[in-house]
Every structure is written in C-alpha cells, then in structure tokens.
Protein backbone atom coordinates (compact mmCIF):
# COMPACT_ATOMS: atom_id res chain seq x y z
CA MET A 1 134.47 178.37 89.27
CA GLN A 2 131.74 177.25 91.64
CA LYS A 3 129.76 175.68 88.78
CA LYS A 4 132.87 173.91 87.57
CA LYS A 5 133.38 172.40 91.04
CA GLU A 6 129.76 171.29 91.10
CA HIS A 7 130.15 169.59 87.74
CA LEU A 8 133.30 167.86 88.95
CA CYS A 9 131.53 166.61 92.10
CA SER A 10 128.68 165.25 90.04
CA ALA A 11 131.11 163.49 87.74
CA TYR A 12 132.99 161.98 90.68
CA ALA A 13 129.73 160.79 92.21
CA ALA A 14 128.67 159.13 88.97
CA ILE A 15 132.05 157.45 88.63
CA PHE A 16 131.87 156.23 92.26
CA ALA A 17 128.42 154.75 91.66
CA LEU A 18 129.65 152.94 88.57
CA VAL A 19 132.69 151.60 90.40
CA PHE A 20 130.60 150.45 93.37
CA THR A 21 128.15 148.67 91.07
CA ALA A 22 130.97 146.99 89.19
CA CYS A 23 132.59 145.85 92.44
CA ALA A 24 129.28 144.41 93.59
CA GLY A 25 129.19 142.41 90.38
CA GLY A 26 125.92 143.52 88.79
CA PRO A 27 122.84 145.73 88.86
CA SER A 28 121.49 147.22 92.07
CA ALA A 29 117.94 148.00 90.93
CA SER A 30 115.37 146.04 92.92
CA PRO A 31 113.16 143.86 90.68
CA ALA A 32 109.42 143.67 91.15
CA TRP A 33 109.52 140.26 92.83
CA ASP A 34 111.60 141.66 95.71
CA ALA A 35 108.96 144.16 96.82
CA SER A 36 107.05 141.72 99.06
CA PRO A 37 106.05 138.04 99.36
CA ASP A 38 102.81 138.84 97.52
CA ALA A 39 104.77 140.50 94.73
CA MET A 40 106.95 137.42 94.35
CA ARG A 41 103.85 135.21 94.14
CA GLN A 42 102.50 137.45 91.38
CA ILE A 43 105.66 136.95 89.33
CA PHE A 44 105.99 133.30 90.31
CA PRO A 45 102.40 132.13 90.99
CA ASP A 46 102.06 129.05 93.19
CA SER A 47 99.98 127.28 90.55
CA ALA A 48 102.87 127.31 88.09
CA PHE A 49 106.04 127.62 90.16
CA ILE A 50 107.72 126.55 93.37
CA ALA A 51 109.87 129.54 94.29
CA GLN A 52 112.10 130.51 97.19
CA GLN A 53 114.22 133.61 97.72
CA GLY A 54 117.97 133.27 98.22
CA ARG A 55 120.59 135.65 99.65
CA GLY A 56 124.37 135.62 99.71
CA VAL A 57 127.54 137.67 99.52
CA THR A 58 127.85 136.72 95.85
CA ARG A 59 125.30 135.96 93.19
CA ALA A 60 126.36 132.30 93.18
CA ALA A 61 125.97 132.14 96.95
CA ALA A 62 122.48 133.66 96.70
CA GLU A 63 121.49 131.09 94.07
CA ALA A 64 122.82 128.25 96.23
CA ASP A 65 120.85 129.61 99.19
CA GLY A 66 117.64 129.70 97.11
CA THR A 67 118.21 126.16 95.89
CA ALA A 68 118.76 124.98 99.47
CA ALA A 69 115.54 126.72 100.51
CA ILE A 70 113.58 124.73 97.91
CA ALA A 71 115.19 121.51 99.13
CA ARG A 72 114.24 122.37 102.72
CA PHE A 73 110.68 123.06 101.60
CA PHE A 74 110.39 119.67 99.90
CA ASN A 75 112.10 117.83 102.76
CA SER A 76 109.86 119.26 105.46
CA GLU A 77 106.65 118.89 103.45
CA VAL A 78 107.41 115.36 102.23
CA ILE A 79 108.29 114.22 105.74
CA SER A 80 105.12 115.83 107.16
CA ARG A 81 102.94 114.26 104.49
CA ILE A 82 104.49 110.83 104.99
CA ALA A 83 103.91 111.12 108.75
CA VAL A 84 100.20 111.67 108.06
CA LEU A 85 100.09 108.70 105.68
CA GLU A 86 101.86 106.46 108.19
CA GLN A 87 99.35 107.42 110.88
CA TYR A 88 96.62 106.41 108.43
CA TRP A 89 98.21 103.01 107.87
CA GLU A 90 98.85 102.49 111.58
CA GLN A 91 95.10 102.58 112.17
CA ASN A 92 94.94 99.29 110.28
CA GLU A 93 98.40 97.75 110.32
CA THR A 94 101.81 98.00 111.92
CA VAL A 95 103.87 100.05 109.50
CA GLN A 96 107.60 100.46 109.07
CA ALA A 97 108.39 104.16 109.24
CA VAL A 98 110.10 105.94 106.36
CA THR A 99 113.18 107.63 107.79
CA GLN A 100 113.98 111.30 107.33
CA VAL A 101 117.25 110.33 105.66
CA GLU A 102 115.39 108.24 103.06
CA SER A 103 113.10 111.17 102.27
CA GLU A 104 115.95 113.67 102.03
CA LEU A 105 117.94 111.42 99.69
CA PHE A 106 114.85 110.95 97.55
CA VAL A 107 114.24 114.72 97.33
CA GLN A 108 117.85 115.39 96.38
CA ALA A 109 117.76 112.76 93.64
CA GLN A 110 114.54 114.14 92.12
CA MET A 111 115.74 117.75 92.18
CA GLN A 112 118.88 116.75 90.30
CA LEU A 113 116.72 115.26 87.56
CA PHE A 114 115.01 118.43 86.45
CA GLY A 115 117.23 121.10 88.00
CA ILE A 116 116.37 124.49 89.43
CA ARG A 117 116.38 127.79 87.62
CA HIS A 118 117.31 131.20 89.01
CA ALA A 119 115.96 134.66 88.27
CA HIS A 120 117.79 136.43 85.44
CA ASN A 121 117.41 139.75 87.23
CA ALA A 122 119.12 139.01 90.55
CA HIS A 123 120.21 142.22 92.23
CA PHE A 124 122.63 143.53 94.81
CA ASP A 125 120.94 144.89 97.91
CA SER A 126 123.27 147.72 98.89
CA ARG A 127 121.46 148.30 102.19
CA HIS A 128 122.33 144.81 103.43
CA GLY A 129 125.43 144.28 101.33
CA GLU A 130 124.24 141.04 99.73
CA TRP A 131 122.83 139.58 96.56
CA VAL A 132 119.16 138.61 96.32
CA THR A 133 117.66 136.20 93.80
CA VAL A 134 114.84 133.71 93.33
CA ALA A 135 115.33 129.98 92.83
CA TYR A 136 112.35 128.37 91.16
CA ILE A 137 110.96 125.21 89.60
CA ASN A 138 108.53 125.35 86.72
CA ARG A 139 105.95 122.76 87.75
CA ALA A 140 104.89 121.84 84.21
CA GLU A 141 108.46 121.39 82.99
CA ALA A 142 109.48 119.37 86.04
CA TRP A 143 106.43 117.15 85.66
CA GLN A 144 107.57 116.11 82.20
CA VAL A 145 110.56 114.50 83.89
CA TYR A 146 109.00 113.38 87.17
CA GLY A 147 105.57 112.20 85.99
CA PRO A 148 106.80 109.05 84.19
CA ARG A 149 108.85 108.06 87.22
CA PHE A 150 105.90 108.15 89.58
CA ARG A 151 103.81 106.44 86.92
CA GLN A 152 106.02 103.38 87.39
CA GLN A 153 105.04 103.26 91.08
CA ALA A 154 101.38 103.71 90.19
CA GLU A 155 101.49 100.95 87.58
CA THR A 156 103.00 98.52 90.08
CA PHE A 157 100.31 99.44 92.60
CA ASN A 158 97.51 98.97 90.08
CA ARG A 159 98.92 95.63 88.89
CA LEU A 160 99.06 94.29 92.47
CA PHE A 161 95.61 95.67 93.29
CA GLU A 162 93.98 94.11 90.23
CA ALA A 163 95.66 90.76 90.95
CA ALA A 164 94.11 90.83 94.43
CA GLU A 165 90.71 91.76 93.05
CA ASN A 166 90.77 88.92 90.53
CA GLU A 167 92.11 86.22 92.91
CA SER A 168 89.58 83.45 93.61
CA ASP A 169 91.43 81.62 96.42
CA PRO A 170 90.40 83.35 99.70
CA PHE A 171 93.75 83.06 101.44
CA ARG A 172 95.78 84.02 98.37
CA LYS A 173 93.43 86.97 97.95
CA ALA A 174 94.23 88.14 101.47
CA LEU A 175 97.96 87.70 100.85
CA ARG A 176 97.73 89.66 97.60
CA TYR A 177 96.04 92.54 99.40
CA LEU A 178 98.85 92.47 101.95
CA ALA A 179 101.30 92.77 99.05
CA VAL A 180 99.40 95.83 97.79
CA GLN A 181 99.56 97.41 101.24
CA ASN A 182 103.25 96.66 101.57
CA HIS A 183 103.90 98.44 98.28
CA ALA A 184 101.68 101.38 99.17
CA ARG A 185 103.53 102.00 102.42
CA SER A 186 107.03 101.33 101.08
CA PRO A 187 109.55 104.20 101.14
CA ASP A 188 109.66 104.28 97.33
CA PHE A 189 105.91 104.70 96.95
CA LEU A 190 105.37 107.04 99.90
CA ASN A 191 108.22 109.35 98.89
CA ALA A 192 107.17 109.33 95.25
CA GLU A 193 103.50 110.02 96.01
CA SER A 194 104.27 112.77 98.52
CA PHE A 195 106.85 114.48 96.29
CA GLY A 196 104.54 114.36 93.28
CA GLN A 197 101.68 115.90 95.23
CA LEU A 198 103.91 118.80 96.24
CA LEU A 199 105.46 119.19 92.81
CA TYR A 200 102.26 119.37 90.77
CA PRO A 201 99.03 118.71 92.71
CA ALA A 202 96.75 119.31 89.72
CA ARG A 203 98.47 116.71 87.56
CA MET A 204 98.70 114.18 90.40
CA ASP A 205 94.98 114.53 91.08
CA ALA A 206 94.11 114.23 87.39
CA GLU A 207 96.44 111.40 86.34
CA PHE A 208 96.33 109.26 89.45
CA ALA A 209 92.72 109.55 90.57
CA LEU A 210 92.29 105.78 90.21
CA VAL A 211 95.27 105.13 92.49
CA ARG A 212 93.83 107.51 95.09
CA THR A 213 90.43 105.79 94.96
CA ARG A 214 91.96 102.36 95.34
CA LEU A 215 94.25 103.50 98.14
CA ALA A 216 91.26 104.79 100.07
CA SER A 217 89.45 101.45 99.75
CA LEU A 218 92.50 99.27 100.46
CA PRO A 219 92.32 98.98 104.29
CA GLN A 220 88.69 97.85 104.19
CA ARG A 221 89.24 95.42 101.33
CA SER A 222 92.35 93.94 102.91
CA GLY A 223 90.70 93.59 106.31
CA ASP A 224 87.64 91.89 104.84
CA ALA A 225 89.81 89.47 102.87
CA ARG A 226 91.72 88.39 105.97
CA ARG A 227 88.59 87.98 108.06
CA ASN A 228 87.23 85.68 105.33
CA ALA A 229 90.36 83.49 105.32
CA PRO A 230 90.42 81.41 108.53
CA VAL A 231 93.38 79.12 109.22
CA PHE A 232 93.42 75.61 110.66
CA ILE A 233 96.65 74.67 112.48
CA ASP A 234 97.63 71.01 112.04
CA ILE A 235 100.35 70.19 114.60
CA PRO A 236 100.74 66.49 115.50
CA VAL A 237 103.48 67.04 118.11
CA ASP A 238 103.41 69.87 120.64
CA PHE A 239 104.09 70.36 124.34
CA GLU A 240 101.43 72.05 126.46
CA SER A 241 100.10 73.63 123.22
CA ILE A 242 102.97 76.11 123.38
CA VAL A 243 103.79 76.17 119.66
CA GLN A 244 100.15 76.03 118.57
CA GLY A 245 99.42 78.96 120.85
CA ALA A 246 102.30 80.94 119.36
CA PHE A 247 101.08 80.39 115.80
CA SER A 248 97.49 81.18 116.79
CA ARG A 249 98.50 84.49 118.36
CA ARG A 250 100.67 85.37 115.39
CA PHE A 251 97.89 84.71 112.87
CA ALA A 252 95.50 86.75 115.00
CA ALA A 253 97.98 89.63 115.12
CA LEU A 254 98.17 89.53 111.31
CA GLY A 255 94.38 89.71 111.09
CA PHE A 256 93.62 86.07 110.24
CA PRO A 257 91.17 84.10 112.40
CA VAL A 258 92.15 80.62 113.57
CA THR A 259 89.48 77.92 113.36
CA GLY A 260 89.25 74.50 114.97
CA ASN A 261 87.17 73.23 112.03
CA ARG A 262 89.42 72.01 109.24
CA ASN A 263 86.56 71.99 106.73
CA ALA A 264 85.84 75.67 107.39
CA ALA A 265 89.44 76.76 106.87
CA ALA A 266 90.65 78.67 103.82
CA ALA A 267 94.18 77.42 104.50
CA VAL A 268 95.92 74.81 106.64
CA CYS A 269 99.16 75.47 108.49
CA TYR A 270 101.05 72.16 108.76
CA VAL A 271 103.56 72.34 111.63
CA THR A 272 106.28 69.77 112.31
CA ILE A 273 108.74 69.84 115.20
CA GLU A 274 112.09 68.14 115.58
CA GLU A 275 112.94 68.14 119.26
CA GLY A 276 116.59 67.09 118.91
CA ARG A 277 116.61 65.47 122.37
CA GLN A 278 119.88 64.25 123.89
CA GLU A 279 121.00 63.07 127.33
CA ARG A 280 124.46 63.83 128.65
CA GLN A 281 126.24 63.09 131.86
CA ILE A 282 127.64 66.30 133.30
CA ALA A 283 130.55 66.11 135.75
CA GLY A 284 129.40 66.81 139.29
CA PHE A 285 125.79 65.76 138.66
CA SER A 286 124.49 62.31 139.52
CA ALA A 287 121.62 62.46 137.04
CA ALA A 288 122.10 62.98 133.34
CA SER A 289 121.07 66.36 131.92
CA VAL A 290 118.60 66.55 129.07
CA PHE A 291 119.45 68.73 126.08
CA TYR A 292 117.15 69.87 123.27
CA HIS A 293 118.05 71.43 119.92
CA PRO A 294 114.50 72.10 118.67
CA GLN A 295 113.49 73.01 115.14
CA VAL A 296 110.08 73.97 113.78
CA ARG A 297 108.86 74.00 110.20
CA ALA A 298 105.51 75.31 109.01
CA VAL A 299 103.94 75.03 105.56
CA LEU A 300 100.86 77.12 104.86
CA SER A 301 98.75 75.67 102.06
CA SER A 302 95.39 76.22 100.44
CA PRO A 303 93.62 74.58 97.48
CA ALA A 304 95.74 76.91 95.31
CA GLY A 305 98.94 75.25 96.58
CA THR A 306 101.74 76.13 98.98
CA LEU A 307 101.54 79.76 100.05
CA VAL A 308 104.19 80.34 102.71
CA THR A 309 106.93 78.26 104.34
CA PHE A 310 108.66 79.01 107.62
CA SER A 311 111.41 77.39 109.66
CA ALA A 312 113.27 78.30 112.84
CA GLU A 313 115.54 76.86 115.48
CA GLY A 314 115.28 77.29 119.22
CA GLY A 315 118.97 76.93 120.07
CA GLN A 316 120.24 74.64 122.79
CA GLN A 317 117.98 74.25 125.82
CA SER A 318 118.77 72.02 128.79
CA ALA A 319 117.84 71.07 132.34
CA VAL A 320 118.18 68.11 134.66
CA ASN A 321 114.42 67.75 134.78
CA PRO A 322 113.22 66.42 131.37
CA ASP A 323 109.93 68.34 131.46
CA VAL A 324 111.69 71.61 132.29
CA ALA A 325 114.15 71.10 129.45
CA ARG A 326 111.38 70.26 126.99
CA ARG A 327 109.28 73.23 128.08
CA ARG A 328 112.26 75.54 127.57
CA ALA A 329 112.78 74.13 124.08
CA TYR A 330 109.18 74.74 123.05
CA GLN A 331 109.15 78.18 124.62
CA ALA A 332 112.28 79.05 122.64
CA LEU A 333 110.49 78.01 119.43
CA ALA A 334 107.45 80.05 120.44
CA GLU A 335 109.63 83.14 120.82
CA ARG A 336 111.05 82.65 117.33
CA ILE A 337 107.56 82.22 115.90
CA THR A 338 106.39 85.41 117.59
CA SER A 339 109.33 87.46 116.34
CA ASP A 340 109.98 85.96 112.90
CA PHE A 341 106.85 84.41 111.42
CA SER A 342 105.32 86.57 108.72
CA LEU A 343 103.26 86.22 105.58
CA GLU A 344 105.63 87.99 103.21
CA THR A 345 105.33 86.61 99.70
CA SER A 346 106.78 87.25 96.27
CA PHE A 347 103.46 88.43 94.77
C-alpha cells in the first residue's frame, strides 16, 4: 500500500510539472547562453552578432524587450559617437547639432530594414516567473542590406571631395570644400556613418577607408583653401563704413581674408545699397521726419563667374535727425548681413 501511494505521488508530481510547463507556454530548461554574460558572448560573439537579452511575462513580451534593448544600444552609441564627431568639427567650424530625435528615427528606420531575430530556445525562468530570450542581429546579414545605403552617402562625399580637389578657381575651390564639410556633418551622413561603424566595424573600415582618410584631411584642406581666397569688397555707397564692416566681419568669421588690393583678390564682392529715403511731415512735429527703407544686394564673383548672391532689407527706420535715421538704416542692414549672409551653394 505504501509503495502504491509513493507511485501515485510521483505520478501526480510529474503531471503537475507538465501542467505548469504547459501553462508557462514552453520549456523551462535554461539554455547555455543564459548562464552568464560571457556565456552569451560565446554563443553570440561580438564579432558576428549584436545581441541583447530580453525578459517578459510572455515570450512575445521578452522578445519585444530584447528588441528594445538593441534599439537603446544603437541610440545611445550613435548619439555618443555623433557628439564626438561634432566636437571634432567644432574645432574648425560652427556646426549644426544632430538632434537625438533625428538619430532615434534613423536607428528605427534602419532596424526595420533588416529586422531582428530571436533565440529559438527561449525559456521560462520559473524562479522569477518570466520568459528569457535573446534578440540579435547577424552583422554580416544586416550589412548586405545596410552597406549599399551607406555607400550612397560615401559616393556623394567622394564626388564632392574630388570636385574640390580638381577645382582651379581659388574661391570656388574653397566653396567646394565647404560643400564637402556640410555634407560630412549633415544628419544623414553622421547618422549613417555612426550606425554603420556600430553595425559592422570591420566592413566599414575595409570598404570606406578612403572616406575616412579624406575626412581626416578635410579640415586642413578646407582651411587652407579659404586662407588662399581673399575677398575684395567693392561698395560705392556706404555710411560710416557700416555695411563694409559687416561684410568684412562676416567673411572673416567664415574663414576668408578681406583684402584692400583688388588685384590680389580671388573674388570681388560687389555691394549695392538702395536707401529708400523719404521725408514726411508728422503731426505735432515742426520738422519733417526722415524715413529709410534700406535694401542691400551683394554679388560675389570670381574669374569663374558669379558664385553667390545675397539680398536683404532693413525694414523701416526713421528719425527727425537725417544722420540718425540714415545710421539706423545702415545698422539695420548690418544686422541682417551678420545674421543671414552665408556662402551656401548648390555644389
């Protein structure tokens, strides 16, 4: 009788274990990758995989958690890498920062392209009452999808770089190098380069070594080109040299020297000003007030032709004293030059 009871107890225990496992939704045996972080790296080596563990009350929830962990990894690393690159550019130029939102949207879009796999042997951790799995990306497989997309960014960079190298006009050469820099520090390029380096460093280093070499030389080349492209400012009408001073400071801020010798200039900035002067009698004032609606237009030219055009208005400026009104008008134009004048081109 006692043995029969023991057999019954064993049978009940086995049935309970089967029921518990079925309720959990799958196997409870712990796979090798769950033993430790080192064990997971042995199954999913860093050289071949990007892997993150996920946990959840269901297997689907655990897989979603692992996928989110990979996204967090990419987001944090891409943003950190871009911050380093931006600091590098800031040593030479003012750079527009890539926002965290731009980087996160980029990461999400790339991950959707090649997808994320999950371990086939996810298991239920009965001690913690949750599922455990591994979400992973096969670097080589993902590169087959991602590589051509970054190659487009690299090809644009190389095309712009080679155009700058081959340009004979000194000022156009400097502008072309600026175009290369603008591309290299654009959100599209920075995100793509940073993501690719995290996704598959070995392939990035092998396939885009030329881009890396050219990127490293770009600040020096661009700076030299600008220093060798002095500008002469031709401005027939000015007041107290206010507008000429504004253009001179702006060119200097962009890295271009201003020369007083027209023959030594690589480019000439022709500046014309329409003062828009009017006199009006204002009720309550014995003297007429002077109003200005100033406009400025600048055309930057070199032997290669017109390079950049710029125009701005200074709004309405007025005063009873004519000199005060005129000074205000020119100062308003100077403010617009300082804030708006750039050397952006369509190269």
